[in-house]
Amino acid sequence: MAFGSHHVPLLPFFGRTVQLNIVGTTAPLLRKEQLSAMPNIPADRLRRPLNSNDKTHHIMKAILATLIIGSMVTTAIASVGDSSSHRLYGKWAWTYSKNNCTEVYDYRPDNTSLVTSGEEIAESRFTISERPDSSGFYRMTDVATNSNGRTGCDGEPGGTPVGDTVTIYIFFHPTKDEMLICQEPTLNACFGPLRRVSQ
């Protein structure tokens, strides 16, 4: 018996009963007679666990790869989702009380908008801050890209000139279903409330 070895119970092994010796971190060497008494095991079976199954092994690798890719895709989608789920996106409407004229603003996730105001239909490209400032205002810059030139709810003939650029400040109600559009980041010069239109 090797130094420091411990005998363990007899175990069945390839139809024979063997006794295992556990020796610290070193295994006992087998004598030539012991090696010849062992059943013939093909060399390729010695390179992997005796009960391994190539098909199962490949399936497990495929599942693992799928999980890793799925995790990466989910993370990528989550990142895109964060930027494409700004509370501004969607349709908003409000009506001028003085002339009962309705405007509808459709802010899209690609940062373009379609605005219907009276007879005018206009399009624009905008940027908006991801987070509000300390007072709760989102800074937005809007550039007109197209207009049918008709009169809008403001009564101005000719519509919005293409290239017209404005910076405005959006303030959302805590419910996220109403907002004000303001000229400055204060509630002193705003119009609205615009209400979210269910689609």
N, C-alpha and C. Protein backbone atom coordinates (compact mmCIF):
# COMPACT_ATOMS: atom_id res chain seq x y z
N MET A 1 0.84 -1.17 0.00
CA MET A 1 0.00 0.00 0.00
C MET A 1 0.89 1.23 0.00
N ALA A 2 0.54 2.21 -0.81
CA ALA A 2 1.34 3.42 -0.91
C ALA A 2 1.15 4.26 0.33
N PHE A 3 2.15 5.11 0.59
CA PHE A 3 2.11 5.98 1.76
C PHE A 3 0.90 6.92 1.71
N GLY A 4 0.17 6.96 2.80
CA GLY A 4 -0.95 7.89 2.89
C GLY A 4 -2.18 7.44 2.15
N SER A 5 -2.23 6.20 1.64
CA SER A 5 -3.40 5.77 0.90
C SER A 5 -4.49 5.31 1.85
N HIS A 6 -5.74 5.36 1.37
CA HIS A 6 -6.87 4.90 2.16
C HIS A 6 -7.65 3.92 1.32
N HIS A 7 -8.01 2.79 1.93
CA HIS A 7 -8.83 1.82 1.21
C HIS A 7 -10.27 2.27 1.21
N VAL A 8 -10.94 2.10 0.09
CA VAL A 8 -12.36 2.44 -0.01
C VAL A 8 -13.12 1.18 -0.34
N PRO A 9 -14.43 1.17 -0.22
CA PRO A 9 -15.19 -0.06 -0.49
C PRO A 9 -14.94 -0.60 -1.89
N LEU A 10 -15.21 -1.88 -2.07
CA LEU A 10 -15.06 -2.53 -3.37
C LEU A 10 -16.13 -2.01 -4.33
N LEU A 11 -15.74 -1.74 -5.55
CA LEU A 11 -16.65 -1.18 -6.54
C LEU A 11 -16.67 -2.04 -7.80
N PRO A 12 -17.84 -2.18 -8.44
CA PRO A 12 -17.88 -2.92 -9.71
C PRO A 12 -17.24 -2.07 -10.81
N PHE A 13 -16.44 -2.68 -11.66
CA PHE A 13 -15.75 -1.94 -12.72
C PHE A 13 -15.55 -2.89 -13.89
N PHE A 14 -16.25 -2.68 -15.00
CA PHE A 14 -16.17 -3.55 -16.18
C PHE A 14 -16.34 -5.02 -15.81
N GLY A 15 -17.31 -5.31 -14.98
CA GLY A 15 -17.58 -6.71 -14.64
C GLY A 15 -16.65 -7.29 -13.60
N ARG A 16 -15.67 -6.54 -13.13
CA ARG A 16 -14.74 -7.02 -12.10
C ARG A 16 -14.96 -6.18 -10.85
N THR A 17 -14.57 -6.71 -9.74
CA THR A 17 -14.63 -5.96 -8.50
C THR A 17 -13.23 -5.45 -8.20
N VAL A 18 -13.11 -4.15 -8.01
CA VAL A 18 -11.79 -3.56 -7.76
C VAL A 18 -11.85 -2.73 -6.50
N GLN A 19 -10.71 -2.54 -5.92
CA GLN A 19 -10.59 -1.68 -4.75
C GLN A 19 -9.77 -0.48 -5.16
N LEU A 20 -10.33 0.72 -4.88
CA LEU A 20 -9.64 1.94 -5.27
C LEU A 20 -8.76 2.42 -4.13
N ASN A 21 -7.61 2.91 -4.47
CA ASN A 21 -6.72 3.52 -3.49
C ASN A 21 -6.69 5.02 -3.73
N ILE A 22 -6.88 5.80 -2.69
CA ILE A 22 -6.79 7.25 -2.81
C ILE A 22 -5.51 7.66 -2.10
N VAL A 23 -4.60 8.26 -2.82
CA VAL A 23 -3.31 8.63 -2.26
C VAL A 23 -3.10 10.11 -2.43
N GLY A 24 -3.43 10.88 -1.45
CA GLY A 24 -3.25 12.32 -1.55
C GLY A 24 -3.64 12.82 -2.91
N THR A 25 -2.64 13.34 -3.66
CA THR A 25 -2.90 13.84 -5.00
C THR A 25 -2.27 12.96 -6.06
N THR A 26 -1.62 11.85 -5.65
CA THR A 26 -1.00 10.97 -6.65
C THR A 26 -1.72 9.64 -6.70
N ALA A 27 -1.92 9.12 -7.89
CA ALA A 27 -2.56 7.82 -8.06
C ALA A 27 -1.51 6.74 -8.06
N PRO A 28 -1.81 5.56 -7.51
CA PRO A 28 -0.82 4.47 -7.53
C PRO A 28 -0.57 4.00 -8.95
N LEU A 29 0.66 3.58 -9.24
CA LEU A 29 1.01 3.08 -10.56
C LEU A 29 0.49 1.66 -10.72
N LEU A 30 0.02 1.33 -11.91
CA LEU A 30 -0.46 -0.03 -12.17
C LEU A 30 0.70 -0.90 -12.66
N ARG A 31 0.71 -2.12 -12.17
CA ARG A 31 1.73 -3.06 -12.64
C ARG A 31 1.32 -3.63 -13.99
N LYS A 32 2.28 -4.24 -14.70
CA LYS A 32 2.04 -4.78 -16.03
C LYS A 32 0.91 -5.81 -16.03
N GLU A 33 0.85 -6.65 -14.99
CA GLU A 33 -0.20 -7.67 -14.93
C GLU A 33 -1.58 -7.03 -14.80
N GLN A 34 -1.65 -5.91 -14.05
CA GLN A 34 -2.93 -5.22 -13.87
C GLN A 34 -3.40 -4.62 -15.18
N LEU A 35 -2.46 -4.06 -15.94
CA LEU A 35 -2.82 -3.46 -17.22
C LEU A 35 -3.34 -4.51 -18.19
N SER A 36 -2.67 -5.68 -18.22
CA SER A 36 -3.09 -6.71 -19.17
C SER A 36 -4.42 -7.32 -18.77
N ALA A 37 -4.78 -7.27 -17.49
CA ALA A 37 -6.05 -7.83 -17.02
C ALA A 37 -7.23 -6.91 -17.35
N MET A 38 -6.98 -5.64 -17.70
CA MET A 38 -8.05 -4.70 -18.00
C MET A 38 -8.62 -5.00 -19.38
N PRO A 39 -9.92 -4.79 -19.57
CA PRO A 39 -10.51 -5.04 -20.89
C PRO A 39 -9.93 -4.09 -21.92
N ASN A 40 -9.97 -4.51 -23.19
CA ASN A 40 -9.48 -3.65 -24.26
C ASN A 40 -10.44 -2.49 -24.46
N ILE A 41 -9.91 -1.31 -24.39
CA ILE A 41 -10.71 -0.09 -24.61
C ILE A 41 -10.10 0.61 -25.82
N PRO A 42 -10.89 0.86 -26.84
CA PRO A 42 -10.35 1.55 -28.02
C PRO A 42 -9.71 2.88 -27.61
N ALA A 43 -8.62 3.23 -28.29
CA ALA A 43 -7.87 4.44 -27.94
C ALA A 43 -8.74 5.69 -27.99
N ASP A 44 -9.66 5.76 -28.98
CA ASP A 44 -10.47 6.96 -29.09
C ASP A 44 -11.42 7.12 -27.90
N ARG A 45 -11.79 6.01 -27.23
CA ARG A 45 -12.66 6.09 -26.05
C ARG A 45 -11.89 6.61 -24.85
N LEU A 46 -10.57 6.46 -24.84
CA LEU A 46 -9.77 6.91 -23.71
C LEU A 46 -9.60 8.44 -23.70
N ARG A 47 -9.89 9.10 -24.81
CA ARG A 47 -9.70 10.55 -24.90
C ARG A 47 -10.86 11.33 -24.31
N ARG A 48 -11.97 10.66 -24.01
CA ARG A 48 -13.14 11.35 -23.46
C ARG A 48 -13.78 10.44 -22.42
N PRO A 49 -14.71 10.95 -21.64
CA PRO A 49 -15.36 10.11 -20.64
C PRO A 49 -16.01 8.89 -21.29
N LEU A 50 -15.98 7.76 -20.57
CA LEU A 50 -16.47 6.50 -21.13
C LEU A 50 -17.95 6.55 -21.50
N ASN A 51 -18.73 7.34 -20.79
CA ASN A 51 -20.17 7.40 -21.06
C ASN A 51 -20.56 8.58 -21.94
N SER A 52 -19.58 9.27 -22.50
CA SER A 52 -19.94 10.43 -23.31
C SER A 52 -20.60 10.00 -24.60
N ASN A 53 -21.42 10.89 -25.12
CA ASN A 53 -22.14 10.60 -26.35
C ASN A 53 -21.92 11.81 -27.26
N ASP A 54 -21.28 11.56 -28.43
CA ASP A 54 -20.95 12.68 -29.31
C ASP A 54 -22.17 13.53 -29.65
N LYS A 55 -23.30 12.87 -29.94
CA LYS A 55 -24.50 13.61 -30.32
C LYS A 55 -24.95 14.53 -29.18
N THR A 56 -24.97 13.99 -27.96
CA THR A 56 -25.36 14.79 -26.79
C THR A 56 -24.38 15.93 -26.59
N HIS A 57 -23.10 15.64 -26.77
CA HIS A 57 -22.06 16.65 -26.61
C HIS A 57 -22.29 17.81 -27.59
N HIS A 58 -22.58 17.48 -28.85
CA HIS A 58 -22.81 18.53 -29.85
C HIS A 58 -24.10 19.29 -29.58
N ILE A 59 -25.12 18.58 -29.10
CA ILE A 59 -26.38 19.26 -28.76
C ILE A 59 -26.15 20.24 -27.62
N MET A 60 -25.40 19.81 -26.60
CA MET A 60 -25.11 20.69 -25.47
C MET A 60 -24.31 21.92 -25.92
N LYS A 61 -23.36 21.70 -26.83
CA LYS A 61 -22.59 22.84 -27.35
C LYS A 61 -23.51 23.80 -28.12
N ALA A 62 -24.43 23.24 -28.90
CA ALA A 62 -25.36 24.08 -29.66
C ALA A 62 -26.27 24.86 -28.73
N ILE A 63 -26.75 24.19 -27.66
CA ILE A 63 -27.61 24.88 -26.70
C ILE A 63 -26.84 26.00 -26.02
N LEU A 64 -25.61 25.73 -25.61
CA LEU A 64 -24.78 26.74 -24.97
C LEU A 64 -24.54 27.92 -25.91
N ALA A 65 -24.21 27.62 -27.16
CA ALA A 65 -23.99 28.70 -28.15
C ALA A 65 -25.26 29.52 -28.34
N THR A 66 -26.41 28.82 -28.40
CA THR A 66 -27.69 29.52 -28.56
C THR A 66 -27.97 30.43 -27.37
N LEU A 67 -27.70 29.94 -26.17
CA LEU A 67 -27.91 30.76 -24.97
C LEU A 67 -27.00 31.98 -24.97
N ILE A 68 -25.75 31.80 -25.36
CA ILE A 68 -24.82 32.93 -25.39
C ILE A 68 -25.27 33.96 -26.43
N ILE A 69 -25.61 33.49 -27.63
CA ILE A 69 -26.06 34.40 -28.68
C ILE A 69 -27.36 35.07 -28.27
N GLY A 70 -28.29 34.28 -27.69
CA GLY A 70 -29.56 34.85 -27.22
C GLY A 70 -29.34 35.94 -26.19
N SER A 71 -28.38 35.72 -25.30
CA SER A 71 -28.07 36.71 -24.28
C SER A 71 -27.52 37.99 -24.92
N MET A 72 -26.64 37.82 -25.92
CA MET A 72 -26.07 38.98 -26.60
C MET A 72 -27.16 39.74 -27.36
N VAL A 73 -28.05 39.01 -28.04
CA VAL A 73 -29.12 39.65 -28.79
C VAL A 73 -30.07 40.38 -27.85
N THR A 74 -30.40 39.73 -26.73
CA THR A 74 -31.29 40.36 -25.75
C THR A 74 -30.68 41.64 -25.23
N THR A 75 -29.37 41.61 -24.95
CA THR A 75 -28.69 42.81 -24.48
C THR A 75 -28.73 43.90 -25.54
N ALA A 76 -28.49 43.50 -26.80
CA ALA A 76 -28.52 44.49 -27.89
C ALA A 76 -29.91 45.07 -28.05
N ILE A 77 -30.92 44.21 -27.98
CA ILE A 77 -32.30 44.68 -28.11
C ILE A 77 -32.65 45.59 -26.95
N ALA A 78 -32.20 45.23 -25.76
CA ALA A 78 -32.48 46.06 -24.60
C ALA A 78 -31.88 47.44 -24.78
N SER A 79 -30.66 47.48 -25.34
CA SER A 79 -30.03 48.77 -25.56
C SER A 79 -30.81 49.60 -26.57
N VAL A 80 -31.20 48.93 -27.68
CA VAL A 80 -31.98 49.64 -28.68
C VAL A 80 -33.32 50.05 -28.10
N GLY A 81 -33.91 49.13 -27.34
CA GLY A 81 -35.20 49.41 -26.73
C GLY A 81 -35.17 50.63 -25.85
N ASP A 82 -34.08 50.82 -25.11
CA ASP A 82 -33.98 51.98 -24.25
C ASP A 82 -34.05 53.26 -25.06
N SER A 83 -33.33 53.29 -26.21
CA SER A 83 -33.31 54.51 -27.00
C SER A 83 -34.56 54.64 -27.87
N SER A 84 -35.22 53.51 -28.20
CA SER A 84 -36.40 53.60 -29.06
C SER A 84 -37.70 53.60 -28.26
N SER A 85 -37.61 53.68 -26.94
CA SER A 85 -38.82 53.69 -26.14
C SER A 85 -38.95 55.01 -25.38
N HIS A 86 -38.43 56.07 -25.94
CA HIS A 86 -38.55 57.38 -25.30
C HIS A 86 -40.02 57.69 -25.10
N ARG A 87 -40.35 58.27 -23.99
CA ARG A 87 -41.77 58.53 -23.69
C ARG A 87 -42.41 59.49 -24.69
N LEU A 88 -41.61 60.21 -25.46
CA LEU A 88 -42.17 61.12 -26.47
C LEU A 88 -42.81 60.36 -27.63
N TYR A 89 -42.24 59.19 -27.98
CA TYR A 89 -42.67 58.49 -29.18
C TYR A 89 -44.14 58.10 -29.12
N GLY A 90 -44.83 58.34 -30.23
CA GLY A 90 -46.25 58.05 -30.32
C GLY A 90 -47.00 59.28 -30.81
N LYS A 91 -48.33 59.18 -30.83
CA LYS A 91 -49.17 60.29 -31.32
C LYS A 91 -49.70 61.10 -30.15
N TRP A 92 -49.69 62.42 -30.35
CA TRP A 92 -50.18 63.37 -29.36
C TRP A 92 -51.11 64.36 -30.07
N ALA A 93 -52.17 64.77 -29.38
CA ALA A 93 -53.11 65.71 -30.00
C ALA A 93 -53.52 66.79 -28.99
N TRP A 94 -53.83 67.96 -29.54
CA TRP A 94 -54.42 69.02 -28.73
C TRP A 94 -55.24 69.92 -29.64
N THR A 95 -56.16 70.65 -29.04
CA THR A 95 -57.07 71.50 -29.81
C THR A 95 -56.98 72.94 -29.32
N TYR A 96 -56.78 73.86 -30.30
CA TYR A 96 -56.80 75.30 -29.97
C TYR A 96 -58.20 75.64 -29.48
N SER A 97 -58.29 76.25 -28.33
CA SER A 97 -59.62 76.61 -27.82
C SER A 97 -60.22 77.78 -28.59
N LYS A 98 -59.36 78.68 -29.11
CA LYS A 98 -59.89 79.88 -29.78
C LYS A 98 -60.55 79.58 -31.12
N ASN A 99 -60.11 78.53 -31.83
CA ASN A 99 -60.72 78.23 -33.14
C ASN A 99 -61.11 76.76 -33.29
N ASN A 100 -61.01 75.99 -32.21
CA ASN A 100 -61.39 74.58 -32.22
C ASN A 100 -60.64 73.78 -33.29
N CYS A 101 -59.39 74.17 -33.55
CA CYS A 101 -58.55 73.52 -34.56
C CYS A 101 -57.63 72.51 -33.86
N THR A 102 -57.58 71.30 -34.38
CA THR A 102 -56.80 70.22 -33.74
C THR A 102 -55.47 69.99 -34.46
N GLU A 103 -54.44 69.81 -33.67
CA GLU A 103 -53.12 69.42 -34.17
C GLU A 103 -52.81 68.02 -33.66
N VAL A 104 -52.22 67.21 -34.54
CA VAL A 104 -51.79 65.86 -34.15
C VAL A 104 -50.30 65.75 -34.48
N TYR A 105 -49.51 65.39 -33.46
CA TYR A 105 -48.06 65.21 -33.60
C TYR A 105 -47.76 63.73 -33.49
N ASP A 106 -47.13 63.17 -34.52
CA ASP A 106 -46.75 61.75 -34.50
C ASP A 106 -45.23 61.68 -34.45
N TYR A 107 -44.69 61.44 -33.25
CA TYR A 107 -43.24 61.35 -33.05
C TYR A 107 -42.83 59.89 -33.16
N ARG A 108 -41.97 59.60 -34.14
CA ARG A 108 -41.60 58.22 -34.44
C ARG A 108 -40.23 57.86 -33.85
N PRO A 109 -40.00 56.54 -33.61
CA PRO A 109 -38.73 56.10 -33.04
C PRO A 109 -37.51 56.39 -33.91
N ASP A 110 -37.70 56.68 -35.22
CA ASP A 110 -36.56 57.03 -36.07
C ASP A 110 -36.27 58.53 -36.00
N ASN A 111 -36.89 59.21 -35.04
CA ASN A 111 -36.71 60.65 -34.80
C ASN A 111 -37.16 61.51 -35.97
N THR A 112 -38.24 61.07 -36.62
CA THR A 112 -38.94 61.91 -37.58
C THR A 112 -40.35 62.11 -37.04
N SER A 113 -40.98 63.18 -37.49
CA SER A 113 -42.36 63.41 -37.04
C SER A 113 -43.24 63.81 -38.21
N LEU A 114 -44.52 63.54 -38.05
CA LEU A 114 -45.53 63.95 -39.00
C LEU A 114 -46.54 64.77 -38.19
N VAL A 115 -46.75 66.03 -38.60
CA VAL A 115 -47.64 66.92 -37.86
C VAL A 115 -48.78 67.35 -38.78
N THR A 116 -49.98 67.16 -38.29
CA THR A 116 -51.17 67.64 -39.00
C THR A 116 -51.74 68.79 -38.17
N SER A 117 -51.82 69.97 -38.79
CA SER A 117 -52.30 71.16 -38.09
C SER A 117 -53.27 71.89 -39.02
N GLY A 118 -54.56 71.75 -38.75
CA GLY A 118 -55.54 72.34 -39.66
C GLY A 118 -55.40 71.70 -41.02
N GLU A 119 -55.11 72.53 -42.04
CA GLU A 119 -54.93 72.00 -43.41
C GLU A 119 -53.48 71.65 -43.71
N GLU A 120 -52.56 72.07 -42.83
CA GLU A 120 -51.14 71.81 -43.09
C GLU A 120 -50.75 70.40 -42.64
N ILE A 121 -49.95 69.76 -43.48
CA ILE A 121 -49.30 68.49 -43.13
C ILE A 121 -47.81 68.73 -43.30
N ALA A 122 -47.07 68.57 -42.22
CA ALA A 122 -45.64 68.86 -42.24
C ALA A 122 -44.86 67.68 -41.66
N GLU A 123 -43.61 67.58 -42.08
CA GLU A 123 -42.71 66.56 -41.55
C GLU A 123 -41.47 67.24 -41.00
N SER A 124 -40.85 66.59 -40.03
CA SER A 124 -39.62 67.15 -39.46
C SER A 124 -38.72 66.04 -38.97
N ARG A 125 -37.50 66.45 -38.63
CA ARG A 125 -36.50 65.56 -38.03
C ARG A 125 -36.15 66.20 -36.70
N PHE A 126 -36.07 65.41 -35.63
CA PHE A 126 -35.82 66.00 -34.31
C PHE A 126 -34.83 65.17 -33.50
N THR A 127 -34.26 65.84 -32.51
CA THR A 127 -33.46 65.17 -31.49
C THR A 127 -34.04 65.58 -30.15
N ILE A 128 -33.98 64.67 -29.19
CA ILE A 128 -34.49 64.97 -27.86
C ILE A 128 -33.57 64.33 -26.83
N SER A 129 -33.37 65.00 -25.72
CA SER A 129 -32.49 64.47 -24.69
C SER A 129 -33.07 63.17 -24.13
N GLU A 130 -32.19 62.26 -23.76
CA GLU A 130 -32.62 60.97 -23.20
C GLU A 130 -33.21 61.15 -21.81
N ARG A 131 -32.69 62.12 -21.07
CA ARG A 131 -33.14 62.35 -19.70
C ARG A 131 -33.54 63.81 -19.53
N PRO A 132 -34.45 64.07 -18.60
CA PRO A 132 -34.83 65.46 -18.37
C PRO A 132 -33.76 66.19 -17.56
N ASP A 133 -33.83 67.52 -17.59
CA ASP A 133 -32.93 68.31 -16.74
C ASP A 133 -33.45 68.26 -15.30
N SER A 134 -32.80 68.98 -14.42
CA SER A 134 -33.16 68.93 -12.99
C SER A 134 -34.58 69.43 -12.73
N SER A 135 -35.14 70.19 -13.67
CA SER A 135 -36.51 70.69 -13.51
C SER A 135 -37.55 69.81 -14.20
N GLY A 136 -37.10 68.75 -14.89
CA GLY A 136 -38.03 67.83 -15.54
C GLY A 136 -38.28 68.10 -17.01
N PHE A 137 -37.51 69.00 -17.64
CA PHE A 137 -37.71 69.34 -19.05
C PHE A 137 -36.75 68.56 -19.94
N TYR A 138 -37.30 68.07 -21.06
CA TYR A 138 -36.49 67.42 -22.10
C TYR A 138 -36.22 68.46 -23.18
N ARG A 139 -34.96 68.63 -23.55
CA ARG A 139 -34.60 69.60 -24.60
C ARG A 139 -34.76 68.92 -25.95
N MET A 140 -35.46 69.60 -26.86
CA MET A 140 -35.73 69.02 -28.18
C MET A 140 -35.43 70.06 -29.26
N THR A 141 -34.74 69.62 -30.31
CA THR A 141 -34.49 70.47 -31.48
C THR A 141 -35.22 69.84 -32.65
N ASP A 142 -35.99 70.66 -33.38
CA ASP A 142 -36.84 70.17 -34.45
C ASP A 142 -36.55 70.96 -35.73
N VAL A 143 -36.33 70.24 -36.83
CA VAL A 143 -36.03 70.87 -38.13
C VAL A 143 -37.09 70.43 -39.13
N ALA A 144 -37.81 71.38 -39.72
CA ALA A 144 -38.85 71.07 -40.71
C ALA A 144 -38.20 70.55 -41.98
N THR A 145 -38.69 69.40 -42.47
CA THR A 145 -38.12 68.80 -43.68
C THR A 145 -39.10 68.81 -44.86
N ASN A 146 -40.40 69.02 -44.58
CA ASN A 146 -41.39 69.01 -45.65
C ASN A 146 -42.68 69.65 -45.15
N SER A 147 -43.40 70.30 -46.05
CA SER A 147 -44.70 70.88 -45.71
C SER A 147 -45.53 71.00 -46.98
N ASN A 148 -46.83 70.81 -46.83
CA ASN A 148 -47.69 70.97 -48.01
C ASN A 148 -48.02 72.45 -48.25
N GLY A 149 -47.54 73.34 -47.37
CA GLY A 149 -47.70 74.78 -47.57
C GLY A 149 -49.09 75.33 -47.26
N ARG A 150 -49.97 74.50 -46.70
CA ARG A 150 -51.33 74.95 -46.38
C ARG A 150 -51.35 75.66 -45.03
N THR A 151 -52.44 76.29 -44.71
CA THR A 151 -52.57 77.05 -43.46
C THR A 151 -52.81 76.11 -42.28
N GLY A 152 -52.01 76.33 -41.22
CA GLY A 152 -52.13 75.51 -40.02
C GLY A 152 -53.08 76.15 -39.02
N CYS A 153 -53.19 75.53 -37.85
CA CYS A 153 -54.08 76.01 -36.80
C CYS A 153 -53.72 77.41 -36.31
N ASP A 154 -52.46 77.83 -36.50
CA ASP A 154 -52.06 79.17 -36.06
C ASP A 154 -52.58 80.27 -36.98
N GLY A 155 -53.15 79.86 -38.13
CA GLY A 155 -53.72 80.83 -39.07
C GLY A 155 -52.72 81.46 -40.02
N GLU A 156 -51.45 81.08 -39.90
CA GLU A 156 -50.40 81.64 -40.78
C GLU A 156 -50.45 80.94 -42.14
N PRO A 157 -50.67 81.68 -43.24
CA PRO A 157 -50.68 81.05 -44.57
C PRO A 157 -49.27 80.61 -44.99
N GLY A 158 -49.20 79.61 -45.82
CA GLY A 158 -47.90 79.18 -46.36
C GLY A 158 -47.26 78.04 -45.59
N GLY A 159 -47.78 77.70 -44.43
CA GLY A 159 -47.23 76.58 -43.67
C GLY A 159 -45.86 76.86 -43.08
N THR A 160 -45.22 75.84 -42.59
CA THR A 160 -43.90 75.95 -41.96
C THR A 160 -42.83 75.88 -43.04
N PRO A 161 -41.91 76.87 -43.09
CA PRO A 161 -40.84 76.82 -44.11
C PRO A 161 -39.91 75.63 -43.89
N VAL A 162 -39.55 74.95 -44.98
CA VAL A 162 -38.60 73.84 -44.89
C VAL A 162 -37.26 74.39 -44.40
N GLY A 163 -36.66 73.70 -43.45
CA GLY A 163 -35.40 74.15 -42.87
C GLY A 163 -35.60 74.94 -41.58
N ASP A 164 -36.84 75.32 -41.28
CA ASP A 164 -37.12 76.06 -40.05
C ASP A 164 -36.70 75.20 -38.86
N THR A 165 -35.89 75.78 -37.98
CA THR A 165 -35.36 75.03 -36.83
C THR A 165 -35.79 75.71 -35.53
N VAL A 166 -36.31 74.91 -34.61
CA VAL A 166 -36.69 75.45 -33.30
C VAL A 166 -36.15 74.55 -32.20
N THR A 167 -35.86 75.14 -31.06
CA THR A 167 -35.51 74.39 -29.86
C THR A 167 -36.64 74.61 -28.87
N ILE A 168 -37.21 73.52 -28.41
CA ILE A 168 -38.33 73.59 -27.48
C ILE A 168 -38.03 72.68 -26.29
N TYR A 169 -38.87 72.77 -25.28
CA TYR A 169 -38.69 71.99 -24.05
C TYR A 169 -39.99 71.26 -23.74
N ILE A 170 -39.87 69.95 -23.57
CA ILE A 170 -41.04 69.11 -23.34
C ILE A 170 -41.12 68.78 -21.85
N PHE A 171 -42.32 68.95 -21.31
CA PHE A 171 -42.55 68.63 -19.90
C PHE A 171 -43.70 67.61 -19.82
N PHE A 172 -43.43 66.44 -19.27
CA PHE A 172 -44.42 65.36 -19.20
C PHE A 172 -45.14 65.35 -17.86
N HIS A 173 -46.41 65.06 -17.93
CA HIS A 173 -47.19 64.80 -16.72
C HIS A 173 -46.71 63.46 -16.17
N PRO A 174 -46.74 63.26 -14.85
CA PRO A 174 -46.26 61.98 -14.29
C PRO A 174 -46.95 60.74 -14.88
N THR A 175 -48.18 60.87 -15.37
CA THR A 175 -48.86 59.71 -15.97
C THR A 175 -48.27 59.35 -17.33
N LYS A 176 -47.47 60.25 -17.92
CA LYS A 176 -46.86 60.08 -19.25
C LYS A 176 -47.89 60.16 -20.38
N ASP A 177 -49.12 60.48 -20.05
CA ASP A 177 -50.17 60.56 -21.07
C ASP A 177 -50.50 62.00 -21.47
N GLU A 178 -49.83 62.98 -20.85
CA GLU A 178 -50.00 64.39 -21.20
C GLU A 178 -48.64 65.06 -21.19
N MET A 179 -48.51 66.09 -22.02
CA MET A 179 -47.26 66.85 -22.03
C MET A 179 -47.53 68.29 -22.44
N LEU A 180 -46.59 69.15 -22.08
CA LEU A 180 -46.59 70.55 -22.50
C LEU A 180 -45.40 70.77 -23.40
N ILE A 181 -45.55 71.66 -24.38
CA ILE A 181 -44.43 72.09 -25.22
C ILE A 181 -44.14 73.54 -24.87
N CYS A 182 -42.92 73.80 -24.44
CA CYS A 182 -42.55 75.12 -23.91
C CYS A 182 -41.41 75.75 -24.70
N GLN A 183 -41.40 77.10 -24.74
CA GLN A 183 -40.34 77.83 -25.44
C GLN A 183 -39.05 77.86 -24.63
N GLU A 184 -39.15 77.80 -23.33
CA GLU A 184 -38.00 77.80 -22.42
C GLU A 184 -38.22 76.69 -21.40
N PRO A 185 -37.16 76.31 -20.66
CA PRO A 185 -37.35 75.26 -19.66
C PRO A 185 -38.03 75.79 -18.39
N THR A 186 -39.17 76.44 -18.58
CA THR A 186 -40.03 76.90 -17.48
C THR A 186 -41.47 76.71 -17.94
N LEU A 187 -42.40 76.85 -17.02
CA LEU A 187 -43.81 76.69 -17.38
C LEU A 187 -44.46 78.02 -17.74
N ASN A 188 -43.65 79.08 -18.00
CA ASN A 188 -44.17 80.42 -18.28
C ASN A 188 -44.68 80.60 -19.71
N ALA A 189 -44.12 79.88 -20.69
CA ALA A 189 -44.51 80.07 -22.09
C ALA A 189 -44.66 78.70 -22.75
N CYS A 190 -45.80 78.05 -22.52
CA CYS A 190 -46.04 76.69 -23.00
C CYS A 190 -47.40 76.62 -23.68
N PHE A 191 -47.61 75.58 -24.48
CA PHE A 191 -48.95 75.30 -24.95
C PHE A 191 -49.25 73.82 -24.69
N GLY A 192 -50.55 73.53 -24.64
CA GLY A 192 -50.97 72.18 -24.32
C GLY A 192 -52.05 72.22 -23.26
N PRO A 193 -52.32 71.17 -22.56
CA PRO A 193 -51.58 69.91 -22.66
C PRO A 193 -51.94 69.11 -23.91
N LEU A 194 -50.91 68.47 -24.48
CA LEU A 194 -51.14 67.51 -25.55
C LEU A 194 -51.41 66.17 -24.87
N ARG A 195 -52.37 65.44 -25.41
CA ARG A 195 -52.73 64.13 -24.83
C ARG A 195 -52.35 63.02 -25.79
N ARG A 196 -51.84 61.95 -25.19
CA ARG A 196 -51.44 60.80 -26.01
C ARG A 196 -52.66 60.18 -26.66
N VAL A 197 -52.53 59.88 -27.96
CA VAL A 197 -53.62 59.27 -28.73
C VAL A 197 -53.34 57.77 -28.79
N SER A 198 -54.32 56.96 -28.34
CA SER A 198 -54.13 55.51 -28.43
C SER A 198 -54.18 55.07 -29.88
N GLN A 199 -53.29 54.14 -30.22
CA GLN A 199 -53.17 53.75 -31.64
C GLN A 199 -53.76 52.39 -31.88
